Amino acid sequence: NINLKYRGVLIALFASSGMSCFMSLTMLLFNLGVVDDFFQTWLKAWGLGFLVGFPAATMLVPLAQKAAIYLTLPEV
């Protein structure tokens, strides 16, 4: 098992890899359609998306969790 202190990083890793995969695929299909070198172009786009997405998710996931907790607190 992986230490509990790495849970947030793992969540960011899984979320950013999945989201960058689907978003790069969707945007590439939308903008270019299926072209000859589609798979290589998609892998490049996915790699770049992940390089941007992982640090962003690492910073944004904790903020999103805090915002969700704040917005769902019962009124006193």
Protein backbone atom coordinates (compact mmCIF):
# COMPACT_ATOMS: atom_id res chain seq x y z
CA ASN A 1 0.00 0.00 0.00
CA ILE A 2 1.00 3.58 -0.63
CA ASN A 3 1.25 5.94 2.34
CA LEU A 4 -1.93 7.93 3.04
CA LYS A 5 -0.05 11.25 2.79
CA TYR A 6 0.25 10.71 -0.98
CA ARG A 7 -3.51 10.36 -1.52
CA GLY A 8 -3.94 13.91 -2.87
CA VAL A 9 -1.08 13.50 -5.35
CA LEU A 10 -2.50 10.18 -6.52
CA ILE A 11 -5.94 11.70 -7.02
CA ALA A 12 -4.38 14.52 -9.05
CA LEU A 13 -2.33 12.00 -11.05
CA PHE A 14 -5.32 9.82 -11.90
CA ALA A 15 -7.64 12.76 -12.61
CA SER A 16 -5.15 14.66 -14.77
CA SER A 17 -4.08 11.63 -16.79
CA GLY A 18 -7.67 10.61 -17.52
CA MET A 19 -8.91 14.10 -18.23
CA SER A 20 -5.94 15.04 -20.42
CA CYS A 21 -6.45 11.81 -22.38
CA PHE A 22 -10.13 12.41 -23.11
CA MET A 23 -9.83 16.17 -23.60
CA SER A 24 -6.90 15.91 -26.03
CA LEU A 25 -8.71 13.20 -27.99
CA THR A 26 -11.92 15.21 -28.11
CA MET A 27 -10.26 18.48 -29.11
CA LEU A 28 -8.09 16.81 -31.73
CA LEU A 29 -11.08 15.07 -33.30
CA PHE A 30 -13.08 18.29 -33.21
CA ASN A 31 -10.34 20.45 -34.75
CA LEU A 32 -8.65 18.06 -37.20
CA GLY A 33 -10.84 15.01 -37.59
CA VAL A 34 -9.13 11.71 -38.25
CA VAL A 35 -5.94 12.53 -40.15
CA ASP A 36 -3.10 10.30 -41.37
CA ASP A 37 -0.85 10.75 -38.32
CA PHE A 38 -3.75 10.99 -35.86
CA PHE A 39 -2.35 8.61 -33.24
CA GLN A 40 1.08 10.31 -33.03
CA THR A 41 -0.51 13.76 -32.99
CA TRP A 42 -2.89 12.65 -30.22
CA LEU A 43 -0.05 11.20 -28.13
CA LYS A 44 1.83 14.51 -28.39
CA ALA A 45 -1.30 16.46 -27.43
CA TRP A 46 -1.97 14.09 -24.54
CA GLY A 47 1.60 14.42 -23.29
CA LEU A 48 1.43 18.20 -23.35
CA GLY A 49 -2.00 18.16 -21.74
CA PHE A 50 -0.72 15.93 -18.95
CA LEU A 51 2.37 18.11 -18.38
CA VAL A 52 0.05 21.08 -17.85
CA GLY A 53 -2.80 19.15 -16.22
CA PHE A 54 -0.91 17.33 -13.48
CA PRO A 55 0.54 20.44 -11.78
CA ALA A 56 -2.78 22.24 -12.26
CA ALA A 57 -4.70 19.35 -10.70
CA THR A 58 -2.20 19.14 -7.84
CA MET A 59 -2.99 22.77 -7.01
CA LEU A 60 -6.69 22.82 -7.87
CA VAL A 61 -7.97 19.57 -6.31
CA PRO A 62 -7.36 20.73 -2.71
CA LEU A 63 -8.97 24.09 -3.48
CA ALA A 64 -11.96 22.38 -5.09
CA GLN A 65 -12.34 20.12 -2.06
CA LYS A 66 -12.27 23.09 0.32
CA ALA A 67 -14.77 25.01 -1.82
CA ALA A 68 -17.12 22.02 -1.95
CA ILE A 69 -16.90 21.54 1.80
CA TYR A 70 -17.55 25.25 2.40
CA LEU A 71 -20.52 25.34 0.03
CA THR A 72 -22.13 22.28 1.59
CA LEU A 73 -21.75 23.21 5.26
CA PRO A 74 -25.07 23.27 7.06
CA GLU A 75 -26.28 26.74 7.98
CA VAL A 76 -25.95 27.60 11.65
